[in-house]
Amino acid sequence: MTKRRILVTGAAGYVAAQLLPTLRERYDCTLIDVTTTERQGREAPGVQVQSALVDDLDELRPFVAGQDAVVHLAFIRRSNDQREQFDGEMDNIRMAYNVYRLSLEENVRRVVMASSNHAADFYEHLLRSREMDMLPATNDIRPLSDNYYGWAKESYEHLGFVFASGTLGRQLANVQIRIGAPRDLDPGALQGDQEGYPFRRNLGAYISPRDLTQLVVKAIETEDIRNEWGVPWQVVYGISDNTRAFWGLENARRVLGYAPQDDSEVTWAAAVYENLTSQGVVGRVGRAP
């Protein structure tokens, strides 16, 4: 069977390093980034240097042409200066637009976009104060962020809807993955009040490499991703099956068939147990008040 052709942008990055072992085996991958050096300083094999994602469609077009899907992970990071942050995020939005536009014009079947949980950052103070228990993964709640980074990610998502709607000539199917915390948990981050929000967030946002990889593969391969209005556009949260999750996985499970295998509570059980025992929680379980 002929392998699907997949373009991965940002292929020397941290998230790509978790995905590529499986993607290379499963697909015929074209890998591009502005560097061939991974974060750890190692050379990223097979990655081609390409700096035209922001402003040169003609130079980028040959990489997009003939692909079945594009997995867009590329991201421009700027300093903490607010003006530079804004300018950088505008470049990121331009990159996302170029990926959508070229994918539309070159008849790419699917775009998988690395969005972020920060697209809905505003709601976290409601979760922290217990005014909300869960942020659902539905179209019933508008993503709102109180920072440029999250605002840009929400803009990716809305741009994706525009391209999926069909008003630009055809429906470009796309999946937006609001990635949670794709990294090992520092046991020190699990110290302190086990009832507190930081403890819950560190455990609830976690996604393991194999769950993240499964979710991306499902986002690439699921044939029908239409929402209730017939638009092939889904926004899903990228987390594992965490006991302390506070973002919903309803449509990731229902539409994409996502079946996460890991749970931060189990993966980091020793650190969680140490925290609970140090707070005296384990000894209080089942004890009358």
Protein backbone atom coordinates (compact mmCIF):
# COMPACT_ATOMS: atom_id res chain seq x y z
CA MET A 1 0.00 0.00 0.00
CA THR A 2 1.27 3.46 -0.93
CA LYS A 3 2.07 5.58 2.09
CA ARG A 4 0.36 8.91 2.58
CA ARG A 5 2.57 11.91 1.87
CA ILE A 6 2.83 14.22 4.89
CA LEU A 7 4.50 17.61 5.26
CA VAL A 8 5.63 18.47 8.79
CA THR A 9 6.64 22.05 9.54
CA GLY A 10 8.70 22.83 12.63
CA ALA A 11 10.17 19.37 12.24
CA ALA A 12 13.25 20.05 14.39
CA GLY A 13 11.13 21.17 17.32
CA TYR A 14 10.27 19.64 20.68
CA VAL A 15 6.79 18.36 19.76
CA ALA A 16 7.98 16.99 16.42
CA ALA A 17 10.66 14.94 18.19
CA GLN A 18 7.88 13.03 19.98
CA LEU A 19 5.89 12.44 16.81
CA LEU A 20 8.48 11.68 14.16
CA PRO A 21 9.47 8.12 15.15
CA THR A 22 5.92 7.02 14.32
CA LEU A 23 5.25 9.47 11.49
CA ARG A 24 8.44 8.46 9.65
CA GLU A 25 7.44 4.80 9.85
CA ARG A 26 3.82 5.35 8.87
CA TYR A 27 4.07 8.05 6.19
CA ASP A 28 6.26 9.41 3.43
CA CYS A 29 7.37 12.52 5.31
CA THR A 30 8.72 15.83 4.07
CA LEU A 31 10.26 17.69 7.01
CA ILE A 32 11.03 21.41 7.07
CA ASP A 33 12.18 23.92 9.67
CA VAL A 34 14.34 27.03 9.94
CA THR A 35 17.09 24.87 11.46
CA THR A 36 18.24 21.27 11.37
CA THR A 37 19.30 21.33 15.03
CA GLU A 38 16.98 19.98 17.72
CA ARG A 39 16.57 21.67 21.11
CA GLN A 40 19.06 19.26 22.69
CA GLY A 41 21.67 20.30 20.11
CA ARG A 42 21.41 17.09 18.08
CA GLU A 43 21.06 17.09 14.33
CA ALA A 44 17.50 16.40 13.18
CA PRO A 45 17.81 13.81 10.40
CA GLY A 46 16.02 14.49 7.15
CA VAL A 47 14.97 18.04 7.99
CA GLN A 48 15.32 20.58 5.18
CA VAL A 49 15.98 24.21 6.04
CA GLN A 50 13.13 26.42 4.86
CA SER A 51 12.59 29.97 6.09
CA ALA A 52 9.81 31.03 3.71
CA LEU A 53 6.82 30.06 5.83
CA VAL A 54 5.96 33.66 6.62
CA ASP A 55 6.37 35.59 3.39
CA ASP A 56 7.31 33.56 0.30
CA LEU A 57 4.47 31.44 -1.03
CA ASP A 58 6.27 30.56 -4.25
CA GLU A 59 9.24 29.14 -2.37
CA LEU A 60 7.01 27.18 0.00
CA ARG A 61 4.55 25.86 -2.60
CA PRO A 62 6.68 22.93 -3.87
CA PHE A 63 6.80 21.51 -0.35
CA VAL A 64 3.00 21.58 -0.06
CA ALA A 65 2.18 20.34 -3.56
CA GLY A 66 1.31 16.66 -3.72
CA GLN A 67 0.89 16.20 0.03
CA ASP A 68 -2.04 14.32 1.52
CA ALA A 69 -1.79 16.25 4.79
CA VAL A 70 0.17 19.04 6.45
CA VAL A 71 1.04 18.91 10.14
CA HIS A 72 1.86 22.49 11.09
CA LEU A 73 4.07 22.72 14.18
CA ALA A 74 6.28 25.68 13.21
CA PHE A 75 6.32 28.60 15.61
CA ILE A 76 8.23 31.88 15.83
CA ARG A 77 9.32 32.75 19.37
CA ARG A 78 10.09 36.35 20.25
CA SER A 79 11.31 38.08 23.43
CA ASN A 80 9.13 39.05 26.40
CA ASP A 81 8.79 42.60 25.12
CA GLN A 82 5.07 43.09 24.47
CA ARG A 83 5.54 44.81 21.12
CA GLU A 84 7.90 42.10 19.90
CA GLN A 85 5.52 39.44 21.20
CA PHE A 86 2.68 40.94 19.18
CA ASP A 87 4.79 41.20 16.04
CA GLY A 88 5.91 37.60 16.46
CA GLU A 89 2.37 36.34 16.88
CA MET A 90 1.28 38.23 13.77
CA ASP A 91 4.02 36.34 11.92
CA ASN A 92 2.69 33.09 13.39
CA ILE A 93 -0.81 33.92 12.18
CA ARG A 94 0.62 34.71 8.74
CA MET A 95 2.38 31.33 8.71
CA ALA A 96 -0.87 29.56 9.56
CA TYR A 97 -2.68 31.47 6.81
CA ASN A 98 -0.02 30.52 4.26
CA VAL A 99 -0.29 26.85 5.23
CA TYR A 100 -4.07 26.94 4.84
CA ARG A 101 -3.96 28.89 1.58
CA LEU A 102 -1.36 26.69 -0.10
CA SER A 103 -3.08 23.55 1.18
CA LEU A 104 -6.34 24.76 -0.35
CA GLU A 105 -4.73 25.65 -3.67
CA GLU A 106 -2.69 22.43 -3.88
CA ASN A 107 -5.63 20.15 -3.02
CA VAL A 108 -4.20 18.92 0.27
CA ARG A 109 -6.80 16.73 1.97
CA ARG A 110 -6.20 17.66 5.62
CA VAL A 111 -4.34 20.18 7.78
CA VAL A 112 -3.49 19.34 11.38
CA MET A 113 -2.68 22.51 13.29
CA ALA A 114 -0.78 22.76 16.57
CA SER A 115 -3.04 25.02 18.57
CA SER A 116 -2.66 25.31 22.32
CA ASN A 117 -4.64 25.09 25.53
CA HIS A 118 -3.70 28.76 25.94
CA ALA A 119 -6.35 29.64 23.34
CA ALA A 120 -8.78 29.48 26.29
CA ASP A 121 -6.52 30.91 29.01
CA PHE A 122 -9.13 33.36 30.25
CA TYR A 123 -11.22 30.54 31.72
CA GLU A 124 -8.42 29.27 33.93
CA HIS A 125 -9.15 31.75 36.70
CA LEU A 126 -12.70 30.34 36.75
CA LEU A 127 -11.29 26.83 37.03
CA ARG A 128 -8.90 28.00 39.73
CA SER A 129 -11.73 29.55 41.76
CA ARG A 130 -13.97 26.47 41.22
CA GLU A 131 -16.56 28.56 39.39
CA MET A 132 -16.02 26.02 36.59
CA ASP A 133 -15.09 22.37 37.02
CA MET A 134 -14.49 21.48 33.38
CA LEU A 135 -13.88 23.35 30.14
CA PRO A 136 -15.75 21.34 27.50
CA ALA A 137 -14.31 20.56 24.09
CA THR A 138 -17.41 21.78 22.26
CA ASN A 139 -18.36 24.64 20.00
CA ASP A 140 -20.70 25.98 22.69
CA ILE A 141 -18.02 28.00 24.47
CA ARG A 142 -15.97 30.63 22.74
CA PRO A 143 -12.19 30.42 23.18
CA LEU A 144 -10.94 33.49 25.02
CA SER A 145 -7.37 34.28 25.92
CA ASP A 146 -5.87 37.17 27.87
CA ASN A 147 -2.42 37.06 26.22
CA TYR A 148 -1.03 37.44 22.70
CA TYR A 149 0.12 33.83 22.42
CA GLY A 150 -3.29 32.39 23.21
CA TRP A 151 -5.04 34.96 21.05
CA ALA A 152 -2.86 33.94 18.09
CA LYS A 153 -3.68 30.26 18.62
CA GLU A 154 -7.40 31.05 18.69
CA SER A 155 -6.85 32.97 15.46
CA TYR A 156 -5.36 29.82 13.89
CA GLU A 157 -8.51 27.98 14.88
CA HIS A 158 -10.89 30.58 13.46
CA LEU A 159 -8.86 30.81 10.25
CA GLY A 160 -9.16 27.05 10.00
CA PHE A 161 -12.94 27.37 10.17
CA VAL A 162 -12.95 29.92 7.35
CA PHE A 163 -11.01 27.53 5.12
CA ALA A 164 -13.16 24.55 6.15
CA SER A 165 -16.45 26.36 5.50
CA GLY A 166 -16.21 26.05 1.72
CA THR A 167 -16.59 29.78 1.02
CA LEU A 168 -13.10 29.90 -0.54
CA GLY A 169 -13.84 27.31 -3.22
CA ARG A 170 -13.75 23.97 -1.44
CA GLN A 171 -13.81 22.72 2.13
CA LEU A 172 -10.29 22.30 3.49
CA ALA A 173 -10.66 19.82 6.36
CA ASN A 174 -8.59 20.71 9.40
CA VAL A 175 -8.12 19.64 13.01
CA GLN A 176 -6.92 22.04 15.68
CA ILE A 177 -5.15 20.31 18.58
CA ARG A 178 -5.02 22.38 21.75
CA ILE A 179 -1.88 20.74 23.09
CA GLY A 180 -1.67 20.56 26.87
CA ALA A 181 1.63 19.72 28.58
CA PRO A 182 3.69 17.36 26.35
CA ARG A 183 6.59 17.05 28.78
CA ASP A 184 7.72 15.07 31.79
CA LEU A 185 6.39 16.37 35.07
CA ASP A 186 8.87 17.77 37.54
CA PRO A 187 8.07 16.04 40.85
CA GLY A 188 8.76 19.36 42.53
CA ALA A 189 5.78 20.83 40.70
CA LEU A 190 3.55 18.35 42.55
CA GLN A 191 4.52 19.62 45.98
CA GLY A 192 2.18 21.75 48.05
CA ASP A 193 -1.55 21.77 48.56
CA GLN A 194 -3.08 18.82 46.72
CA GLU A 195 -6.39 20.69 46.62
CA GLY A 196 -4.75 23.65 44.91
CA TYR A 197 -5.06 24.47 41.21
CA PRO A 198 -1.33 24.23 40.34
CA PHE A 199 -1.29 20.61 41.51
CA ARG A 200 -4.40 19.81 39.48
CA ARG A 201 -3.16 21.68 36.42
CA ASN A 202 0.21 19.94 36.30
CA LEU A 203 -1.50 16.56 36.39
CA GLY A 204 -4.56 17.47 34.32
CA ALA A 205 -2.75 19.02 31.35
CA TYR A 206 -0.25 16.20 30.79
CA ILE A 207 -0.09 14.32 27.49
CA SER A 208 2.29 11.43 26.94
CA PRO A 209 4.28 11.04 23.71
CA ARG A 210 2.30 7.97 22.67
CA ASP A 211 -1.06 9.67 23.32
CA LEU A 212 0.02 12.80 21.44
CA THR A 213 1.22 10.66 18.54
CA GLN A 214 -2.03 8.69 18.49
CA LEU A 215 -4.05 11.90 18.46
CA VAL A 216 -2.09 13.37 15.55
CA VAL A 217 -2.37 10.13 13.56
CA LYS A 218 -6.14 10.05 14.19
CA ALA A 219 -6.37 13.70 13.14
CA ILE A 220 -4.58 12.86 9.88
CA GLU A 221 -6.42 9.67 9.02
CA THR A 222 -10.03 9.95 10.26
CA GLU A 223 -12.06 10.23 7.08
CA ASP A 224 -15.12 12.16 8.28
CA ILE A 225 -14.44 14.98 10.70
CA ARG A 226 -17.52 17.07 9.93
CA ASN A 227 -19.11 18.86 12.85
CA GLU A 228 -22.84 19.18 13.49
CA TRP A 229 -23.10 21.81 10.72
CA GLY A 230 -21.34 19.68 8.13
CA VAL A 231 -18.08 21.66 8.33
CA PRO A 232 -14.94 19.45 8.40
CA TRP A 233 -13.37 21.30 11.33
CA GLN A 234 -12.64 20.08 14.82
CA VAL A 235 -10.96 21.68 17.82
CA VAL A 236 -9.77 19.03 20.28
CA TYR A 237 -7.77 19.08 23.47
CA GLY A 238 -4.45 17.29 23.50
CA ILE A 239 -4.25 15.60 26.90
CA SER A 240 -3.97 12.05 28.17
CA ASP A 241 -6.77 10.25 30.02
CA ASN A 242 -5.91 12.10 33.22
CA THR A 243 -7.79 11.54 36.46
CA ARG A 244 -7.53 15.26 37.22
CA ALA A 245 -8.36 16.48 33.70
CA PHE A 246 -10.23 19.78 33.45
CA TRP A 247 -10.49 19.97 29.64
CA GLY A 248 -13.00 17.77 27.86
CA LEU A 249 -12.15 15.12 25.28
CA GLU A 250 -15.69 14.50 24.04
CA ASN A 251 -15.23 15.25 20.36
CA ALA A 252 -11.69 13.84 20.22
CA ARG A 253 -13.14 10.51 21.37
CA ARG A 254 -16.38 10.65 19.37
CA VAL A 255 -15.18 12.09 16.06
CA LEU A 256 -11.54 11.03 15.87
CA GLY A 257 -11.77 7.81 17.86
CA TYR A 258 -9.04 9.03 20.22
CA ALA A 259 -8.46 6.50 23.00
CA PRO A 260 -5.67 7.82 25.26
CA GLN A 261 -3.72 5.13 27.08
CA ASP A 262 -1.95 7.09 29.79
CA ASP A 263 -2.97 8.89 32.98
CA SER A 264 -0.63 11.31 34.75
CA GLU A 265 -1.92 10.04 38.09
CA VAL A 266 -0.51 6.61 37.24
CA THR A 267 2.60 7.74 35.35
CA TRP A 268 3.67 10.00 38.22
CA ALA A 269 2.15 7.86 40.98
CA ALA A 270 5.21 7.96 43.25
CA ALA A 271 5.37 11.77 43.23
CA VAL A 272 1.60 12.05 43.70
CA TYR A 273 1.69 9.59 46.61
CA GLU A 274 4.55 11.46 48.24
CA ASN A 275 2.58 14.68 47.97
CA LEU A 276 -0.60 13.16 49.37
CA THR A 277 1.14 11.50 52.28
CA SER A 278 3.12 14.63 53.14
CA GLN A 279 -0.17 16.52 53.29
CA GLY A 280 -1.75 13.82 55.44
CA VAL A 281 -4.41 13.14 52.81
CA VAL A 282 -3.89 9.37 52.53
CA GLY A 283 -4.30 8.86 56.25
CA ARG A 284 -7.58 10.81 56.23
CA VAL A 285 -9.25 8.76 53.51
CA GLY A 286 -12.31 7.01 54.90
CA ARG A 287 -11.93 8.61 58.32
CA ALA A 288 -15.03 10.13 59.90
CA PRO A 289 -14.91 13.92 60.28
